[in-house]
Amino acid sequence: MRVILAGATGWAGSAVARGIARADDLRLVGAVARAAAGRTLDAVLGEPKLAAPVYATADEALATPCDVFVEFTKPDAAKANIRAALSVGAHVVVGTSGLGDDDYAEIDALARDGRRGVLACGNFALTVVLLQRFAETAARYLDHFEIVDYAHEDKPDAPSGTARELAYRLGRVKTPGLGVPLEQVRGPRAARGATLSGVQIHSVRLPGYVIGVEAIFGASGQRLHIAHHAGQSAEPYVDGTLLAIRKVHTLVGVHRGLDAVMDL
């Protein structure tokens, strides 16, 4: 399976690239990384099995045919990259955060027109997949819940893709109750967080965090916390990304969450 990886020299992208190098059934045929353009990825990452050329833009890389395009860049470039990949008939795996529901609705229409799959995962870690499933179950029984989104102090997108995806999924279960409607809040309304998919999200950006998300459920006399916190390594995301690459061709249109291709 031929793969082009955008963001191949980044924190997550470089770990995914090395994962592809270890896989017998996947071959990296191109990479996108503006600062390393004109070189080969093996020279940049020190992995001899990654001899793919590095390009400055997705359009340049997509001149080489591929089966799957993997997007791990920045929110301001991701949407155009996904559109470019779909236009040449590639399936797409999205690991970039910052895209909203309207963006995915537009991408879904393009993917369905071309009969291609787009698998968008706010987080590829297995513990996040389980958190999402557990939280969806809790939301069916508990009417009040909110999300806290944790990340390092220099992460520009807020909420993170992990929190956005969780809000999207919980919002499909139900709209949570609010003890005090937002329009009746005394004080700055922003103190109650942002509303995404009908769910309140509070983004914390502090040194010491990598990526974390917590779904908090409240009921009379009791409280439930379901949380995920990542360590410093990007390795927890590699196996999930490789699974997404292998399975995205079975989908048509946009699917959000790795469990779309898992037997859970």
Protein backbone atom coordinates (compact mmCIF):
# COMPACT_ATOMS: atom_id res chain seq x y z
CA MET A 1 0.00 0.00 0.00
CA ARG A 2 1.52 3.30 -1.14
CA VAL A 3 1.46 6.09 1.43
CA ILE A 4 2.23 9.82 1.37
CA LEU A 5 2.75 11.34 4.81
CA ALA A 6 2.29 15.07 5.37
CA GLY A 7 4.05 16.38 8.47
CA ALA A 8 6.58 13.56 8.26
CA THR A 9 9.26 15.27 10.37
CA GLY A 10 6.96 16.42 13.18
CA TRP A 11 6.49 14.94 16.65
CA ALA A 12 3.76 12.48 15.62
CA GLY A 13 4.60 12.28 11.92
CA SER A 14 8.19 11.14 12.44
CA ALA A 15 7.04 8.32 14.75
CA VAL A 16 4.42 7.26 12.18
CA ALA A 17 7.06 7.34 9.42
CA ARG A 18 9.28 4.97 11.42
CA GLY A 19 6.25 2.75 11.99
CA ILE A 20 5.65 2.58 8.25
CA ALA A 21 9.31 1.65 7.77
CA ARG A 22 8.79 -1.36 10.05
CA ALA A 23 5.67 -2.54 8.20
CA ASP A 24 6.01 -5.11 5.40
CA ASP A 25 2.71 -4.17 3.76
CA LEU A 26 3.18 -0.38 3.60
CA ARG A 27 5.55 1.73 1.51
CA LEU A 28 6.18 5.45 1.95
CA VAL A 29 6.38 6.96 -1.54
CA GLY A 30 6.44 10.63 -0.56
CA ALA A 31 6.57 12.99 2.40
CA VAL A 32 5.60 16.60 3.03
CA ALA A 33 7.78 18.76 5.28
CA ARG A 34 8.55 22.28 4.17
CA ALA A 35 11.83 22.67 6.07
CA ALA A 36 13.23 19.38 4.70
CA ALA A 37 11.98 19.77 1.10
CA GLY A 38 14.40 18.58 -1.55
CA ARG A 39 15.94 15.89 0.65
CA THR A 40 14.97 12.27 1.24
CA LEU A 41 13.32 11.27 4.48
CA ASP A 42 15.98 8.71 5.37
CA ALA A 43 18.55 11.50 5.45
CA VAL A 44 16.33 13.58 7.74
CA LEU A 45 15.20 10.88 10.18
CA GLY A 46 18.17 8.53 9.99
CA GLU A 47 16.00 5.58 8.97
CA PRO A 48 17.43 3.83 5.88
CA LYS A 49 14.10 2.27 4.93
CA LEU A 50 12.55 5.72 4.37
CA ALA A 51 14.15 6.76 1.09
CA ALA A 52 11.06 8.69 -0.05
CA PRO A 53 11.51 12.23 -1.40
CA VAL A 54 10.37 15.13 0.76
CA TYR A 55 8.28 17.91 -0.83
CA ALA A 56 7.35 21.38 0.33
CA THR A 57 3.63 21.01 -0.45
CA ALA A 58 1.01 18.30 -0.64
CA ASP A 59 0.26 19.21 -4.26
CA GLU A 60 3.86 18.46 -5.20
CA ALA A 61 3.91 15.18 -3.30
CA LEU A 62 0.59 14.06 -4.81
CA ALA A 63 2.09 14.09 -8.29
CA THR A 64 3.33 10.63 -7.18
CA PRO A 65 0.43 8.13 -7.13
CA CYS A 66 -0.56 6.87 -3.70
CA ASP A 67 -3.30 4.81 -2.11
CA VAL A 68 -3.51 6.68 1.19
CA PHE A 69 -2.60 10.25 2.12
CA VAL A 70 -1.89 10.79 5.84
CA GLU A 71 -2.38 14.33 7.18
CA PHE A 72 -0.31 15.36 10.22
CA THR A 73 0.42 19.05 9.52
CA LYS A 74 -1.32 22.18 10.82
CA PRO A 75 -5.01 23.19 10.86
CA ASP A 76 -4.46 26.05 8.39
CA ALA A 77 -3.05 23.63 5.79
CA ALA A 78 -4.94 20.44 6.57
CA LYS A 79 -8.19 21.13 4.76
CA ALA A 80 -6.50 22.09 1.49
CA ASN A 81 -4.24 19.04 1.74
CA ILE A 82 -7.22 16.72 2.26
CA ARG A 83 -9.06 18.24 -0.69
CA ALA A 84 -5.97 17.83 -2.87
CA ALA A 85 -5.61 14.17 -1.91
CA LEU A 86 -9.26 13.41 -2.60
CA SER A 87 -9.01 15.15 -5.97
CA VAL A 88 -6.39 12.63 -7.14
CA GLY A 89 -8.33 9.62 -5.83
CA ALA A 90 -6.47 8.89 -2.59
CA HIS A 91 -8.09 7.80 0.64
CA VAL A 92 -7.19 10.04 3.59
CA VAL A 93 -6.26 9.52 7.24
CA VAL A 94 -6.42 12.72 9.30
CA GLY A 95 -4.45 13.18 12.51
CA THR A 96 -4.36 16.98 12.42
CA SER A 97 -6.53 18.73 14.99
CA GLY A 98 -8.37 22.01 14.60
CA LEU A 99 -10.90 21.12 11.89
CA GLY A 100 -14.53 21.69 12.83
CA ASP A 101 -17.87 20.07 12.03
CA ASP A 102 -18.46 22.38 9.04
CA ASP A 103 -15.04 21.48 7.61
CA TYR A 104 -15.78 17.79 7.90
CA ALA A 105 -19.21 18.21 6.34
CA GLU A 106 -17.57 19.77 3.28
CA ILE A 107 -14.89 17.08 3.15
CA ASP A 108 -17.54 14.38 3.52
CA ALA A 109 -19.37 15.62 0.42
CA LEU A 110 -16.15 15.55 -1.61
CA ALA A 111 -15.22 12.08 -0.36
CA ARG A 112 -18.64 10.64 -1.14
CA ASP A 113 -18.59 12.14 -4.62
CA GLY A 114 -15.31 10.34 -5.27
CA ARG A 115 -16.28 7.17 -3.36
CA ARG A 116 -13.26 7.58 -1.10
CA GLY A 117 -12.82 7.16 2.64
CA VAL A 118 -11.64 9.77 5.12
CA LEU A 119 -10.85 8.55 8.64
CA ALA A 120 -10.37 11.48 11.01
CA CYS A 121 -9.03 10.68 14.47
CA GLY A 122 -8.50 13.34 17.08
CA ASN A 123 -6.25 10.81 18.80
CA PHE A 124 -5.03 7.40 17.62
CA ALA A 125 -4.20 6.01 21.09
CA LEU A 126 -6.14 2.92 22.14
CA THR A 127 -6.85 4.45 25.56
CA VAL A 128 -8.60 7.37 23.82
CA VAL A 129 -10.74 4.99 21.76
CA LEU A 130 -11.80 3.29 24.98
CA LEU A 131 -12.43 6.65 26.70
CA GLN A 132 -14.74 7.67 23.86
CA ARG A 133 -16.72 4.45 24.09
CA PHE A 134 -16.98 4.56 27.89
CA ALA A 135 -18.03 8.22 27.79
CA GLU A 136 -20.71 7.55 25.17
CA THR A 137 -22.12 4.82 27.40
CA ALA A 138 -22.10 7.13 30.43
CA ALA A 139 -23.85 9.89 28.47
CA ARG A 140 -26.77 7.58 27.76
CA TYR A 141 -27.44 7.32 31.50
CA LEU A 142 -26.24 10.66 32.91
CA ASP A 143 -27.69 14.00 31.80
CA HIS A 144 -25.00 16.45 32.95
CA PHE A 145 -21.46 16.34 31.56
CA GLU A 146 -18.64 18.59 30.40
CA ILE A 147 -15.16 18.13 28.91
CA VAL A 148 -11.79 19.41 30.11
CA ASP A 149 -9.07 19.56 27.44
CA TYR A 150 -5.40 19.59 28.55
CA ALA A 151 -2.32 20.41 26.43
CA HIS A 152 1.11 22.04 26.54
CA GLU A 153 1.25 25.82 26.83
CA ASP A 154 2.23 26.45 23.19
CA LYS A 155 -0.49 24.37 21.52
CA PRO A 156 -2.35 26.96 19.41
CA ASP A 157 -5.56 25.08 18.62
CA ALA A 158 -8.13 24.98 21.36
CA PRO A 159 -9.93 22.72 21.91
CA SER A 160 -7.66 19.93 20.72
CA GLY A 161 -8.78 17.47 18.08
CA THR A 162 -9.16 14.86 20.82
CA ALA A 163 -11.62 17.05 22.73
CA ARG A 164 -13.47 18.12 19.58
CA GLU A 165 -14.00 14.52 18.57
CA LEU A 166 -15.22 13.60 22.05
CA ALA A 167 -17.67 16.52 22.08
CA TYR A 168 -18.95 15.52 18.65
CA ARG A 169 -19.58 11.97 19.79
CA LEU A 170 -21.20 12.91 23.11
CA GLY A 171 -23.35 15.52 21.38
CA ARG A 172 -24.75 12.80 19.14
CA VAL A 173 -25.86 10.89 22.24
CA LYS A 174 -27.63 13.86 23.80
CA THR A 175 -27.33 17.55 24.60
CA PRO A 176 -26.25 17.75 28.26
CA GLY A 177 -28.26 19.64 30.80
CA LEU A 178 -27.10 22.96 32.25
CA GLY A 179 -28.07 23.99 35.76
CA VAL A 180 -27.90 27.65 34.73
CA PRO A 181 -28.51 28.45 31.04
CA LEU A 182 -25.53 30.20 29.47
CA GLU A 183 -27.49 33.38 28.78
CA GLN A 184 -28.24 33.64 32.50
CA VAL A 185 -24.63 33.31 33.69
CA ARG A 186 -23.58 36.17 36.00
CA GLY A 187 -20.12 37.19 34.96
CA PRO A 188 -18.13 36.50 31.77
CA ARG A 189 -19.94 33.83 29.79
CA ALA A 190 -16.54 32.51 28.61
CA ALA A 191 -15.94 31.28 32.15
CA ARG A 192 -18.36 28.45 31.30
CA GLY A 193 -16.15 27.32 28.42
CA ALA A 194 -16.85 26.99 24.71
CA THR A 195 -19.84 25.12 23.31
CA LEU A 196 -19.09 22.51 20.65
CA SER A 197 -21.73 20.06 19.47
CA GLY A 198 -23.84 21.26 22.40
CA VAL A 199 -21.18 20.29 24.97
CA GLN A 200 -19.15 22.67 27.17
CA ILE A 201 -15.36 22.34 26.76
CA HIS A 202 -12.72 23.97 28.94
CA SER A 203 -9.19 24.12 27.47
CA VAL A 204 -6.20 24.18 29.83
CA ARG A 205 -2.81 25.12 28.31
CA LEU A 206 0.07 24.70 30.78
CA PRO A 207 3.66 23.40 30.85
CA GLY A 208 3.83 19.80 31.99
CA TYR A 209 0.96 18.56 29.85
CA VAL A 210 1.28 16.81 26.48
CA ILE A 211 -2.27 15.87 25.49
CA GLY A 212 -5.08 14.97 27.85
CA VAL A 213 -8.85 14.92 27.90
CA GLU A 214 -11.37 14.32 30.68
CA ALA A 215 -15.09 13.74 30.48
CA ILE A 216 -16.79 14.68 33.76
CA PHE A 217 -20.31 13.46 34.52
CA GLY A 218 -22.37 14.70 37.45
CA ALA A 219 -25.52 13.38 39.08
CA SER A 220 -27.16 13.92 42.43
CA GLY A 221 -24.63 13.03 45.13
CA GLN A 222 -22.12 11.46 42.73
CA ARG A 223 -19.57 12.24 40.03
CA LEU A 224 -17.79 10.20 37.33
CA HIS A 225 -14.42 11.16 35.75
CA ILE A 226 -13.13 9.36 32.63
CA ALA A 227 -9.69 10.63 31.61
CA HIS A 228 -6.78 10.04 29.26
CA HIS A 229 -3.34 11.63 29.66
CA ALA A 230 -0.47 11.05 27.22
CA GLY A 231 3.22 10.83 28.04
CA GLN A 232 6.05 12.47 26.12
CA SER A 233 6.37 9.81 23.39
CA ALA A 234 4.30 9.69 20.19
CA GLU A 235 4.60 5.88 20.07
CA PRO A 236 1.07 5.28 21.48
CA TYR A 237 -0.32 6.81 18.28
CA VAL A 238 1.66 4.71 15.79
CA ASP A 239 -0.24 1.41 15.85
CA GLY A 240 -3.58 3.20 15.61
CA THR A 241 -2.40 5.26 12.65
CA LEU A 242 -1.12 2.18 10.83
CA LEU A 243 -4.45 0.46 11.44
CA ALA A 244 -6.24 3.50 10.00
CA ILE A 245 -4.00 3.44 6.90
CA ARG A 246 -4.74 -0.23 6.32
CA LYS A 247 -8.50 0.08 6.83
CA VAL A 248 -9.51 3.49 5.43
CA HIS A 249 -10.13 2.03 1.97
CA THR A 250 -13.09 0.11 3.44
CA LEU A 251 -14.91 3.39 4.14
CA VAL A 252 -16.78 5.92 2.02
CA GLY A 253 -17.10 9.50 3.25
CA VAL A 254 -15.87 10.96 6.53
CA HIS A 255 -15.77 8.75 9.61
CA ARG A 256 -14.59 10.18 12.92
CA GLY A 257 -12.84 7.99 15.45
CA LEU A 258 -10.57 4.98 15.12
CA ASP A 259 -13.33 2.67 16.32
CA ALA A 260 -14.90 3.09 12.87
CA VAL A 261 -12.44 0.40 11.73
CA MET A 262 -12.20 -1.55 14.99
CA ASP A 263 -14.33 -4.43 16.27
CA LEU A 264 -15.44 -2.91 19.58
